[in-house]
Amino acid sequence: MEGYVYTVPMALFDYIPGILFMISGVLLMRSLYNKMPKGVFACLDGGVCIAFLAGILKATYKLLIALGVAAVPTLNKLFLPLESTGLLLAGLAIVLMLVLRKRSAALMAPLTIGLISMMVVGLGCMCAGLSVVSKKMKKGWLIPIFVLCFFCYMGMGYLASRPEETASSNWIEQGVNCFGQILLLTGVGTLYRAGLRDFKL
């Protein structure tokens, strides 16, 4: 596209660092899974995936321009916040792994509580916010759906946090998770079809 210097080979080449990073990340996750508490491993897993996504989005931004499809600045603007967040989480996970291996397991409690609190607050805000939007769009019947979705997420989080894991508990956990995702999709899909994109909040 006019005004841009990106070519298709250049854009395709830009995918390579991201792919190499993801391979390194997968090897790290496979190697360190048994050395980290669940909360710490979640930081590593999330960090690697977020950083990988940052690189892929930026490469896709260049490729779309090189192909003359479109310039989507958002893909480029997401790179820095995603990359910095991802690398911070991954690095923090490795440091915590080393620290927690040498100290009492009680040190894990604040991290676990912090992560659970983030999940509860984030999901609570999301479901509460969507409930308010539903009310504004005269779709108040969606509010119980979002409330139930929140409790499904909480239930899934509780089931996933238990130290013992059996085949039956895993089926139950994923069943609750799936039901919660169906509820979320039902609510969001209804708002989308009702014209959420053009609705004036």
N, C-alpha and C. Protein backbone atom coordinates (compact mmCIF):
# COMPACT_ATOMS: atom_id res chain seq x y z
N MET A 1 0.85 -1.19 0.00
CA MET A 1 0.00 0.00 0.00
C MET A 1 0.89 1.25 0.00
N GLU A 2 0.36 2.32 -0.57
CA GLU A 2 1.15 3.54 -0.73
C GLU A 2 1.58 4.09 0.62
N GLY A 3 2.84 4.47 0.72
CA GLY A 3 3.36 5.05 1.96
C GLY A 3 3.99 4.04 2.88
N TYR A 4 3.92 2.75 2.57
CA TYR A 4 4.49 1.71 3.41
C TYR A 4 5.60 0.99 2.66
N VAL A 5 6.59 0.51 3.40
CA VAL A 5 7.76 -0.13 2.77
C VAL A 5 7.72 -1.65 2.90
N TYR A 6 6.67 -2.20 3.47
CA TYR A 6 6.62 -3.63 3.72
C TYR A 6 6.40 -4.41 2.43
N THR A 7 7.13 -5.52 2.31
CA THR A 7 6.94 -6.44 1.19
C THR A 7 6.50 -7.78 1.76
N VAL A 8 5.98 -8.64 0.90
CA VAL A 8 5.50 -9.95 1.36
C VAL A 8 6.64 -10.77 1.97
N PRO A 9 7.82 -10.87 1.33
CA PRO A 9 8.92 -11.63 1.95
C PRO A 9 9.30 -11.05 3.31
N MET A 10 9.32 -9.72 3.41
CA MET A 10 9.66 -9.09 4.69
C MET A 10 8.64 -9.44 5.76
N ALA A 11 7.36 -9.39 5.40
CA ALA A 11 6.30 -9.69 6.36
C ALA A 11 6.34 -11.16 6.79
N LEU A 12 6.55 -12.06 5.82
CA LEU A 12 6.63 -13.49 6.15
C LEU A 12 7.83 -13.78 7.04
N PHE A 13 8.94 -13.09 6.75
CA PHE A 13 10.15 -13.27 7.57
C PHE A 13 9.89 -12.84 9.01
N ASP A 14 8.98 -11.87 9.18
CA ASP A 14 8.69 -11.34 10.52
C ASP A 14 7.96 -12.36 11.39
N TYR A 15 7.38 -13.38 10.77
CA TYR A 15 6.74 -14.44 11.55
C TYR A 15 7.76 -15.35 12.23
N ILE A 16 8.94 -15.44 11.65
CA ILE A 16 9.93 -16.40 12.13
C ILE A 16 10.33 -16.17 13.58
N PRO A 17 10.66 -14.92 14.00
CA PRO A 17 11.01 -14.73 15.42
C PRO A 17 9.91 -15.15 16.37
N GLY A 18 8.66 -14.86 15.99
CA GLY A 18 7.55 -15.25 16.85
C GLY A 18 7.41 -16.76 16.98
N ILE A 19 7.59 -17.45 15.85
CA ILE A 19 7.49 -18.91 15.87
C ILE A 19 8.64 -19.52 16.69
N LEU A 20 9.84 -18.97 16.51
CA LEU A 20 10.99 -19.46 17.27
C LEU A 20 10.79 -19.23 18.77
N PHE A 21 10.24 -18.05 19.11
CA PHE A 21 9.97 -17.74 20.51
C PHE A 21 8.97 -18.73 21.09
N MET A 22 7.92 -19.05 20.32
CA MET A 22 6.90 -19.97 20.82
C MET A 22 7.46 -21.37 21.01
N ILE A 23 8.35 -21.79 20.13
CA ILE A 23 8.99 -23.10 20.30
C ILE A 23 9.79 -23.13 21.59
N SER A 24 10.56 -22.04 21.82
CA SER A 24 11.32 -21.95 23.07
C SER A 24 10.39 -21.96 24.27
N GLY A 25 9.28 -21.23 24.15
CA GLY A 25 8.32 -21.17 25.24
C GLY A 25 7.70 -22.51 25.54
N VAL A 26 7.34 -23.25 24.51
CA VAL A 26 6.75 -24.58 24.70
C VAL A 26 7.75 -25.52 25.37
N LEU A 27 9.00 -25.45 24.94
CA LEU A 27 10.04 -26.28 25.56
C LEU A 27 10.20 -25.92 27.04
N LEU A 28 10.16 -24.62 27.33
CA LEU A 28 10.25 -24.19 28.73
C LEU A 28 9.07 -24.70 29.54
N MET A 29 7.87 -24.56 28.99
CA MET A 29 6.68 -24.98 29.71
C MET A 29 6.69 -26.49 29.97
N ARG A 30 7.11 -27.25 28.98
CA ARG A 30 7.16 -28.71 29.15
C ARG A 30 8.23 -29.10 30.17
N SER A 31 9.31 -28.34 30.23
CA SER A 31 10.41 -28.66 31.13
C SER A 31 10.15 -28.21 32.56
N LEU A 32 9.42 -27.11 32.73
CA LEU A 32 9.28 -26.51 34.06
C LEU A 32 7.93 -26.78 34.72
N TYR A 33 7.04 -27.48 34.01
CA TYR A 33 5.70 -27.72 34.56
C TYR A 33 5.75 -28.39 35.93
N ASN A 34 6.63 -29.38 36.06
CA ASN A 34 6.70 -30.13 37.32
C ASN A 34 7.53 -29.43 38.39
N LYS A 35 8.04 -28.25 38.07
CA LYS A 35 8.87 -27.51 39.02
C LYS A 35 8.17 -26.27 39.56
N MET A 36 6.95 -26.02 39.08
CA MET A 36 6.24 -24.79 39.45
C MET A 36 4.88 -25.10 40.06
N PRO A 37 4.47 -24.31 41.05
CA PRO A 37 3.07 -24.39 41.50
C PRO A 37 2.17 -23.95 40.35
N LYS A 38 0.90 -24.33 40.42
CA LYS A 38 -0.02 -24.03 39.33
C LYS A 38 -0.10 -22.54 39.00
N GLY A 39 -0.15 -21.71 40.04
CA GLY A 39 -0.27 -20.27 39.82
C GLY A 39 0.92 -19.70 39.09
N VAL A 40 2.11 -20.17 39.43
CA VAL A 40 3.33 -19.69 38.79
C VAL A 40 3.39 -20.17 37.35
N PHE A 41 3.01 -21.44 37.14
CA PHE A 41 3.02 -21.96 35.77
C PHE A 41 2.02 -21.21 34.89
N ALA A 42 0.90 -20.80 35.49
CA ALA A 42 -0.10 -20.03 34.73
C ALA A 42 0.52 -18.71 34.24
N CYS A 43 1.38 -18.10 35.07
CA CYS A 43 2.07 -16.87 34.65
C CYS A 43 2.99 -17.15 33.48
N LEU A 44 3.73 -18.25 33.54
CA LEU A 44 4.64 -18.60 32.44
C LEU A 44 3.85 -18.90 31.17
N ASP A 45 2.84 -19.72 31.29
CA ASP A 45 2.02 -20.11 30.15
C ASP A 45 1.38 -18.87 29.50
N GLY A 46 0.74 -18.06 30.34
CA GLY A 46 0.08 -16.86 29.84
C GLY A 46 1.07 -15.89 29.22
N GLY A 47 2.22 -15.71 29.88
CA GLY A 47 3.22 -14.79 29.38
C GLY A 47 3.75 -15.18 28.02
N VAL A 48 4.06 -16.46 27.86
CA VAL A 48 4.57 -16.95 26.57
C VAL A 48 3.53 -16.75 25.47
N CYS A 49 2.29 -17.10 25.76
CA CYS A 49 1.23 -16.99 24.74
C CYS A 49 0.96 -15.53 24.37
N ILE A 50 0.97 -14.65 25.36
CA ILE A 50 0.71 -13.23 25.09
C ILE A 50 1.83 -12.62 24.26
N ALA A 51 3.08 -12.93 24.62
CA ALA A 51 4.22 -12.41 23.86
C ALA A 51 4.22 -12.95 22.43
N PHE A 52 3.88 -14.23 22.28
CA PHE A 52 3.80 -14.82 20.94
C PHE A 52 2.72 -14.13 20.12
N LEU A 53 1.57 -13.89 20.74
CA LEU A 53 0.47 -13.22 20.03
C LEU A 53 0.89 -11.84 19.56
N ALA A 54 1.67 -11.13 20.40
CA ALA A 54 2.13 -9.79 20.03
C ALA A 54 2.92 -9.83 18.74
N GLY A 55 3.85 -10.76 18.64
CA GLY A 55 4.67 -10.86 17.44
C GLY A 55 3.88 -11.26 16.21
N ILE A 56 2.95 -12.19 16.38
CA ILE A 56 2.13 -12.65 15.25
C ILE A 56 1.23 -11.54 14.74
N LEU A 57 0.66 -10.76 15.65
CA LEU A 57 -0.21 -9.66 15.23
C LEU A 57 0.57 -8.60 14.45
N LYS A 58 1.79 -8.32 14.91
CA LYS A 58 2.59 -7.31 14.20
C LYS A 58 2.98 -7.82 12.82
N ALA A 59 3.35 -9.10 12.72
CA ALA A 59 3.70 -9.66 11.42
C ALA A 59 2.49 -9.67 10.49
N THR A 60 1.32 -9.95 11.05
CA THR A 60 0.10 -9.94 10.26
C THR A 60 -0.23 -8.54 9.77
N TYR A 61 0.04 -7.55 10.61
CA TYR A 61 -0.15 -6.15 10.22
C TYR A 61 0.68 -5.83 8.98
N LYS A 62 1.93 -6.26 8.98
CA LYS A 62 2.81 -6.00 7.84
C LYS A 62 2.35 -6.78 6.60
N LEU A 63 1.92 -8.03 6.83
CA LEU A 63 1.52 -8.86 5.70
C LEU A 63 0.27 -8.30 5.01
N LEU A 64 -0.69 -7.84 5.79
CA LEU A 64 -1.91 -7.27 5.21
C LEU A 64 -1.59 -6.05 4.35
N ILE A 65 -0.64 -5.26 4.81
CA ILE A 65 -0.23 -4.09 4.04
C ILE A 65 0.50 -4.52 2.77
N ALA A 66 1.43 -5.46 2.93
CA ALA A 66 2.22 -5.93 1.78
C ALA A 66 1.33 -6.53 0.70
N LEU A 67 0.24 -7.19 1.11
CA LEU A 67 -0.68 -7.81 0.14
C LEU A 67 -1.67 -6.80 -0.42
N GLY A 68 -1.65 -5.58 0.12
CA GLY A 68 -2.56 -4.55 -0.35
C GLY A 68 -3.98 -4.75 0.13
N VAL A 69 -4.15 -5.51 1.22
CA VAL A 69 -5.50 -5.79 1.74
C VAL A 69 -6.01 -4.59 2.55
N ALA A 70 -5.25 -4.23 3.57
CA ALA A 70 -5.67 -3.12 4.43
C ALA A 70 -4.55 -2.78 5.40
N ALA A 71 -4.60 -1.57 5.92
CA ALA A 71 -3.71 -1.17 7.01
C ALA A 71 -4.55 -1.17 8.28
N VAL A 72 -4.19 -2.01 9.23
CA VAL A 72 -4.95 -2.11 10.49
C VAL A 72 -4.03 -1.69 11.62
N PRO A 73 -3.97 -0.39 11.93
CA PRO A 73 -3.02 0.12 12.93
C PRO A 73 -3.14 -0.55 14.29
N THR A 74 -4.34 -1.00 14.63
CA THR A 74 -4.54 -1.63 15.95
C THR A 74 -3.62 -2.83 16.14
N LEU A 75 -3.41 -3.60 15.09
CA LEU A 75 -2.54 -4.78 15.17
C LEU A 75 -1.13 -4.37 15.54
N ASN A 76 -0.69 -3.23 15.03
CA ASN A 76 0.65 -2.74 15.32
C ASN A 76 0.72 -2.12 16.72
N LYS A 77 -0.33 -1.40 17.09
CA LYS A 77 -0.35 -0.72 18.40
C LYS A 77 -0.43 -1.72 19.56
N LEU A 78 -0.97 -2.90 19.30
CA LEU A 78 -1.09 -3.91 20.36
C LEU A 78 0.25 -4.54 20.70
N PHE A 79 1.23 -4.40 19.80
CA PHE A 79 2.50 -5.10 19.99
C PHE A 79 3.16 -4.76 21.33
N LEU A 80 3.39 -3.48 21.59
CA LEU A 80 4.14 -3.09 22.79
C LEU A 80 3.45 -3.50 24.08
N PRO A 81 2.17 -3.19 24.28
CA PRO A 81 1.54 -3.62 25.54
C PRO A 81 1.49 -5.13 25.72
N LEU A 82 1.23 -5.86 24.63
CA LEU A 82 1.18 -7.32 24.74
C LEU A 82 2.56 -7.92 24.97
N GLU A 83 3.54 -7.46 24.20
CA GLU A 83 4.90 -8.00 24.32
C GLU A 83 5.47 -7.74 25.70
N SER A 84 5.32 -6.51 26.20
CA SER A 84 5.87 -6.18 27.52
C SER A 84 5.18 -6.96 28.63
N THR A 85 3.85 -7.08 28.53
CA THR A 85 3.11 -7.85 29.54
C THR A 85 3.49 -9.32 29.51
N GLY A 86 3.57 -9.88 28.32
CA GLY A 86 3.91 -11.30 28.18
C GLY A 86 5.29 -11.62 28.72
N LEU A 87 6.27 -10.82 28.34
CA LEU A 87 7.64 -11.08 28.80
C LEU A 87 7.76 -10.88 30.30
N LEU A 88 7.04 -9.88 30.85
CA LEU A 88 7.08 -9.66 32.29
C LEU A 88 6.52 -10.86 33.04
N LEU A 89 5.39 -11.38 32.57
CA LEU A 89 4.79 -12.55 33.23
C LEU A 89 5.69 -13.77 33.15
N ALA A 90 6.28 -14.00 31.97
CA ALA A 90 7.15 -15.17 31.80
C ALA A 90 8.40 -15.05 32.68
N GLY A 91 8.99 -13.87 32.70
CA GLY A 91 10.18 -13.67 33.52
C GLY A 91 9.86 -13.78 35.00
N LEU A 92 8.73 -13.22 35.41
CA LEU A 92 8.32 -13.29 36.81
C LEU A 92 8.11 -14.74 37.24
N ALA A 93 7.55 -15.54 36.36
CA ALA A 93 7.29 -16.94 36.67
C ALA A 93 8.60 -17.69 36.95
N ILE A 94 9.61 -17.43 36.15
CA ILE A 94 10.88 -18.14 36.33
C ILE A 94 11.56 -17.70 37.63
N VAL A 95 11.48 -16.39 37.92
CA VAL A 95 12.07 -15.90 39.18
C VAL A 95 11.34 -16.50 40.37
N LEU A 96 10.01 -16.53 40.31
CA LEU A 96 9.24 -17.10 41.41
C LEU A 96 9.53 -18.59 41.58
N MET A 97 9.74 -19.28 40.49
CA MET A 97 10.08 -20.70 40.56
C MET A 97 11.36 -20.88 41.39
N LEU A 98 12.35 -20.06 41.11
CA LEU A 98 13.62 -20.17 41.83
C LEU A 98 13.48 -19.79 43.30
N VAL A 99 12.70 -18.74 43.55
CA VAL A 99 12.52 -18.28 44.92
C VAL A 99 11.73 -19.28 45.74
N LEU A 100 10.65 -19.77 45.16
CA LEU A 100 9.77 -20.66 45.89
C LEU A 100 10.36 -22.05 46.11
N ARG A 101 11.34 -22.41 45.30
CA ARG A 101 12.00 -23.71 45.50
C ARG A 101 12.85 -23.69 46.76
N LYS A 102 13.25 -22.51 47.20
CA LYS A 102 14.16 -22.41 48.34
C LYS A 102 13.47 -21.97 49.61
N ARG A 103 12.24 -21.56 49.49
CA ARG A 103 11.54 -21.06 50.67
C ARG A 103 10.29 -21.87 50.94
N SER A 104 9.66 -21.52 52.03
CA SER A 104 8.46 -22.25 52.44
C SER A 104 7.36 -22.13 51.40
N ALA A 105 6.59 -23.20 51.28
CA ALA A 105 5.47 -23.20 50.34
C ALA A 105 4.44 -22.15 50.71
N ALA A 106 4.52 -21.67 51.98
CA ALA A 106 3.57 -20.64 52.42
C ALA A 106 3.72 -19.37 51.61
N LEU A 107 4.90 -19.17 51.00
CA LEU A 107 5.11 -17.98 50.18
C LEU A 107 4.24 -17.99 48.94
N MET A 108 3.72 -19.16 48.60
CA MET A 108 2.88 -19.27 47.41
C MET A 108 1.50 -18.69 47.66
N ALA A 109 1.10 -18.64 48.90
CA ALA A 109 -0.25 -18.19 49.23
C ALA A 109 -0.59 -16.80 48.71
N PRO A 110 0.29 -15.78 48.94
CA PRO A 110 -0.06 -14.44 48.43
C PRO A 110 -0.22 -14.41 46.91
N LEU A 111 0.63 -15.16 46.19
CA LEU A 111 0.52 -15.18 44.72
C LEU A 111 -0.79 -15.82 44.30
N THR A 112 -1.12 -16.95 44.93
CA THR A 112 -2.36 -17.64 44.59
C THR A 112 -3.56 -16.75 44.86
N ILE A 113 -3.55 -16.13 46.04
CA ILE A 113 -4.66 -15.23 46.41
C ILE A 113 -4.75 -14.07 45.42
N GLY A 114 -3.58 -13.55 45.04
CA GLY A 114 -3.55 -12.43 44.10
C GLY A 114 -4.12 -12.81 42.74
N LEU A 115 -3.72 -13.98 42.24
CA LEU A 115 -4.22 -14.43 40.93
C LEU A 115 -5.71 -14.70 40.97
N ILE A 116 -6.17 -15.34 42.05
CA ILE A 116 -7.59 -15.62 42.18
C ILE A 116 -8.38 -14.31 42.28
N SER A 117 -7.83 -13.35 43.03
CA SER A 117 -8.49 -12.06 43.16
C SER A 117 -8.61 -11.36 41.82
N MET A 118 -7.53 -11.42 41.02
CA MET A 118 -7.56 -10.82 39.68
C MET A 118 -8.65 -11.47 38.83
N MET A 119 -8.75 -12.79 38.92
CA MET A 119 -9.75 -13.51 38.14
C MET A 119 -11.16 -13.13 38.57
N VAL A 120 -11.38 -13.09 39.88
CA VAL A 120 -12.71 -12.77 40.40
C VAL A 120 -13.10 -11.34 40.02
N VAL A 121 -12.17 -10.40 40.23
CA VAL A 121 -12.47 -8.99 39.93
C VAL A 121 -12.70 -8.81 38.43
N GLY A 122 -11.81 -9.41 37.61
CA GLY A 122 -11.94 -9.27 36.17
C GLY A 122 -13.25 -9.83 35.64
N LEU A 123 -13.57 -11.05 36.05
CA LEU A 123 -14.81 -11.68 35.59
C LEU A 123 -16.04 -10.98 36.15
N GLY A 124 -15.92 -10.54 37.41
CA GLY A 124 -17.04 -9.82 38.02
C GLY A 124 -17.33 -8.53 37.28
N CYS A 125 -16.26 -7.79 36.95
CA CYS A 125 -16.43 -6.53 36.21
C CYS A 125 -17.02 -6.80 34.82
N MET A 126 -16.51 -7.86 34.16
CA MET A 126 -16.99 -8.16 32.82
C MET A 126 -18.48 -8.51 32.84
N CYS A 127 -18.87 -9.41 33.73
CA CYS A 127 -20.26 -9.85 33.77
C CYS A 127 -21.18 -8.73 34.27
N ALA A 128 -20.70 -7.95 35.25
CA ALA A 128 -21.51 -6.83 35.74
C ALA A 128 -21.67 -5.78 34.65
N GLY A 129 -20.57 -5.48 33.96
CA GLY A 129 -20.64 -4.49 32.89
C GLY A 129 -21.57 -4.92 31.77
N LEU A 130 -21.50 -6.20 31.39
CA LEU A 130 -22.38 -6.70 30.34
C LEU A 130 -23.84 -6.71 30.80
N SER A 131 -24.04 -6.90 32.09
CA SER A 131 -25.41 -6.85 32.62
C SER A 131 -25.97 -5.45 32.51
N VAL A 132 -25.14 -4.44 32.79
CA VAL A 132 -25.57 -3.05 32.67
C VAL A 132 -25.89 -2.73 31.21
N VAL A 133 -25.02 -3.19 30.30
CA VAL A 133 -25.26 -2.97 28.87
C VAL A 133 -26.57 -3.63 28.46
N SER A 134 -26.82 -4.84 28.95
CA SER A 134 -28.05 -5.55 28.62
C SER A 134 -29.27 -4.75 29.07
N LYS A 135 -29.19 -4.19 30.27
CA LYS A 135 -30.30 -3.38 30.79
C LYS A 135 -30.54 -2.17 29.90
N LYS A 136 -29.46 -1.51 29.49
CA LYS A 136 -29.57 -0.33 28.63
C LYS A 136 -30.16 -0.67 27.27
N MET A 137 -29.88 -1.88 26.80
CA MET A 137 -30.38 -2.30 25.49
C MET A 137 -31.74 -3.00 25.58
N LYS A 138 -32.35 -2.90 26.79
CA LYS A 138 -33.66 -3.53 27.01
C LYS A 138 -33.61 -5.04 26.79
N LYS A 139 -32.51 -5.63 27.23
CA LYS A 139 -32.35 -7.08 27.19
C LYS A 139 -32.06 -7.59 28.60
N GLY A 140 -32.87 -7.09 29.55
CA GLY A 140 -32.65 -7.40 30.95
C GLY A 140 -32.67 -8.89 31.26
N TRP A 141 -33.31 -9.67 30.42
CA TRP A 141 -33.38 -11.13 30.67
C TRP A 141 -32.01 -11.78 30.55
N LEU A 142 -31.03 -11.04 29.98
CA LEU A 142 -29.68 -11.58 29.88
C LEU A 142 -28.90 -11.49 31.19
N ILE A 143 -29.37 -10.65 32.11
CA ILE A 143 -28.64 -10.45 33.37
C ILE A 143 -28.45 -11.76 34.13
N PRO A 144 -29.49 -12.57 34.34
CA PRO A 144 -29.28 -13.86 35.02
C PRO A 144 -28.29 -14.76 34.28
N ILE A 145 -28.24 -14.64 32.96
CA ILE A 145 -27.31 -15.45 32.19
C ILE A 145 -25.87 -15.06 32.50
N PHE A 146 -25.61 -13.75 32.57
CA PHE A 146 -24.26 -13.29 32.88
C PHE A 146 -23.89 -13.60 34.34
N VAL A 147 -24.87 -13.52 35.23
CA VAL A 147 -24.62 -13.86 36.64
C VAL A 147 -24.27 -15.34 36.76
N LEU A 148 -25.05 -16.19 36.10
CA LEU A 148 -24.77 -17.62 36.14
C LEU A 148 -23.43 -17.94 35.48
N CYS A 149 -23.11 -17.22 34.42
CA CYS A 149 -21.82 -17.39 33.75
C CYS A 149 -20.68 -17.11 34.73
N PHE A 150 -20.82 -16.05 35.53
CA PHE A 150 -19.81 -15.70 36.53
C PHE A 150 -19.61 -16.84 37.52
N PHE A 151 -20.71 -17.40 38.00
CA PHE A 151 -20.59 -18.47 38.99
C PHE A 151 -20.03 -19.75 38.36
N CYS A 152 -20.30 -19.96 37.08
CA CYS A 152 -19.68 -21.11 36.39
C CYS A 152 -18.17 -20.95 36.34
N TYR A 153 -17.72 -19.75 36.02
CA TYR A 153 -16.28 -19.49 36.00
C TYR A 153 -15.67 -19.70 37.38
N MET A 154 -16.37 -19.22 38.42
CA MET A 154 -15.86 -19.38 39.77
C MET A 154 -15.80 -20.87 40.15
N GLY A 155 -16.83 -21.60 39.75
CA GLY A 155 -16.85 -23.04 40.04
C GLY A 155 -15.74 -23.76 39.32
N MET A 156 -15.52 -23.39 38.07
CA MET A 156 -14.45 -24.01 37.30
C MET A 156 -13.09 -23.70 37.92
N GLY A 157 -12.93 -22.44 38.38
CA GLY A 157 -11.68 -22.06 39.03
C GLY A 157 -11.45 -22.84 40.31
N TYR A 158 -12.52 -23.06 41.07
CA TYR A 158 -12.40 -23.84 42.30
C TYR A 158 -12.01 -25.28 41.99
N LEU A 159 -12.68 -25.88 41.01
CA LEU A 159 -12.39 -27.27 40.65
C LEU A 159 -10.96 -27.42 40.14
N ALA A 160 -10.48 -26.43 39.38
CA ALA A 160 -9.14 -26.51 38.82
C ALA A 160 -8.06 -26.32 39.87
N SER A 161 -8.42 -25.66 40.98
CA SER A 161 -7.42 -25.36 42.01
C SER A 161 -7.20 -26.50 42.99
N ARG A 162 -8.04 -27.51 42.95
CA ARG A 162 -7.89 -28.63 43.88
C ARG A 162 -6.65 -29.45 43.55
N PRO A 163 -5.90 -29.85 44.58
CA PRO A 163 -4.64 -30.57 44.32
C PRO A 163 -4.83 -31.92 43.65
N GLU A 164 -5.90 -32.65 44.02
CA GLU A 164 -6.12 -33.97 43.42
C GLU A 164 -6.85 -33.80 42.09
N GLU A 165 -6.46 -34.60 41.11
CA GLU A 165 -7.10 -34.52 39.80
C GLU A 165 -7.37 -35.93 39.29
N THR A 166 -8.63 -36.22 39.04
CA THR A 166 -9.01 -37.51 38.51
C THR A 166 -9.70 -37.29 37.17
N ALA A 167 -9.93 -38.40 36.46
CA ALA A 167 -10.61 -38.28 35.17
C ALA A 167 -12.01 -37.70 35.35
N SER A 168 -12.72 -38.16 36.38
CA SER A 168 -14.09 -37.67 36.60
C SER A 168 -14.10 -36.19 36.98
N SER A 169 -13.16 -35.77 37.84
CA SER A 169 -13.11 -34.36 38.24
C SER A 169 -12.76 -33.48 37.05
N ASN A 170 -11.92 -33.99 36.16
CA ASN A 170 -11.56 -33.23 34.97
C ASN A 170 -12.75 -33.06 34.04
N TRP A 171 -13.55 -34.14 33.89
CA TRP A 171 -14.75 -34.05 33.07
C TRP A 171 -15.73 -33.04 33.65
N ILE A 172 -15.89 -33.07 34.95
CA ILE A 172 -16.80 -32.13 35.62
C ILE A 172 -16.31 -30.69 35.43
N GLU A 173 -15.01 -30.49 35.65
CA GLU A 173 -14.41 -29.16 35.50
C GLU A 173 -14.64 -28.61 34.11
N GLN A 174 -14.36 -29.42 33.10
CA GLN A 174 -14.51 -28.95 31.72
C GLN A 174 -15.98 -28.82 31.31
N GLY A 175 -16.84 -29.63 31.93
CA GLY A 175 -18.27 -29.49 31.69
C GLY A 175 -18.79 -28.15 32.19
N VAL A 176 -18.36 -27.80 33.41
CA VAL A 176 -18.74 -26.50 33.99
C VAL A 176 -18.17 -25.37 33.14
N ASN A 177 -16.93 -25.53 32.72
CA ASN A 177 -16.28 -24.53 31.88
C ASN A 177 -17.04 -24.35 30.57
N CYS A 178 -17.39 -25.45 29.94
CA CYS A 178 -18.11 -25.41 28.67
C CYS A 178 -19.47 -24.74 28.82
N PHE A 179 -20.17 -25.07 29.90
CA PHE A 179 -21.49 -24.46 30.14
C PHE A 179 -21.35 -22.96 30.34
N GLY A 180 -20.30 -22.55 31.08
CA GLY A 180 -20.06 -21.12 31.28
C GLY A 180 -19.77 -20.41 29.97
N GLN A 181 -19.00 -21.06 29.09
CA GLN A 181 -18.69 -20.46 27.79
C GLN A 181 -19.94 -20.36 26.91
N ILE A 182 -20.82 -21.36 27.02
CA ILE A 182 -22.08 -21.31 26.25
C ILE A 182 -22.94 -20.14 26.73
N LEU A 183 -22.98 -19.94 28.05
CA LEU A 183 -23.75 -18.83 28.60
C LEU A 183 -23.18 -17.49 28.13
N LEU A 184 -21.84 -17.37 28.18
CA LEU A 184 -21.20 -16.13 27.75
C LEU A 184 -21.49 -15.86 26.28
N LEU A 185 -21.35 -16.90 25.46
CA LEU A 185 -21.61 -16.76 24.03
C LEU A 185 -23.07 -16.41 23.76
N THR A 186 -23.98 -17.00 24.54
CA THR A 186 -25.40 -16.68 24.39
C THR A 186 -25.65 -15.21 24.65
N GLY A 187 -25.09 -14.71 25.76
CA GLY A 187 -25.29 -13.31 26.12
C GLY A 187 -24.66 -12.36 25.14
N VAL A 188 -23.38 -12.59 24.84
CA VAL A 188 -22.66 -11.70 23.92
C VAL A 188 -23.25 -11.78 22.52
N GLY A 189 -23.59 -13.00 22.09
CA GLY A 189 -24.18 -13.17 20.77
C GLY A 189 -25.52 -12.44 20.64
N THR A 190 -26.32 -12.49 21.70
CA THR A 190 -27.62 -11.80 21.68
C THR A 190 -27.42 -10.29 21.59
N LEU A 191 -26.46 -9.77 22.37
CA LEU A 191 -26.18 -8.33 22.32
C LEU A 191 -25.66 -7.93 20.95
N TYR A 192 -24.83 -8.79 20.38
CA TYR A 192 -24.29 -8.50 19.04
C TYR A 192 -25.41 -8.42 18.01
N ARG A 193 -26.30 -9.41 18.04
CA ARG A 193 -27.40 -9.43 17.08
C ARG A 193 -28.38 -8.29 17.31
N ALA A 194 -28.43 -7.81 18.56
CA ALA A 194 -29.34 -6.70 18.89
C ALA A 194 -28.77 -5.35 18.48
N GLY A 195 -27.55 -5.34 17.94
CA GLY A 195 -26.97 -4.10 17.45
C GLY A 195 -26.03 -3.42 18.41
N LEU A 196 -25.29 -4.19 19.24
CA LEU A 196 -24.37 -3.61 20.20
C LEU A 196 -23.33 -2.70 19.55
N ARG A 197 -22.90 -3.08 18.35
CA ARG A 197 -21.87 -2.28 17.69
C ARG A 197 -22.31 -0.84 17.45
N ASP A 198 -23.57 -0.64 17.13
CA ASP A 198 -24.06 0.70 16.81
C ASP A 198 -24.84 1.33 17.95
N PHE A 199 -25.03 0.59 19.03
CA PHE A 199 -25.81 1.11 20.16
C PHE A 199 -25.05 2.19 20.91
N LYS A 200 -25.73 3.30 21.20
CA LYS A 200 -25.11 4.42 21.93
C LYS A 200 -25.26 4.18 23.43
N LEU A 201 -24.13 3.91 24.08
CA LEU A 201 -24.16 3.66 25.52
C LEU A 201 -24.35 4.95 26.30
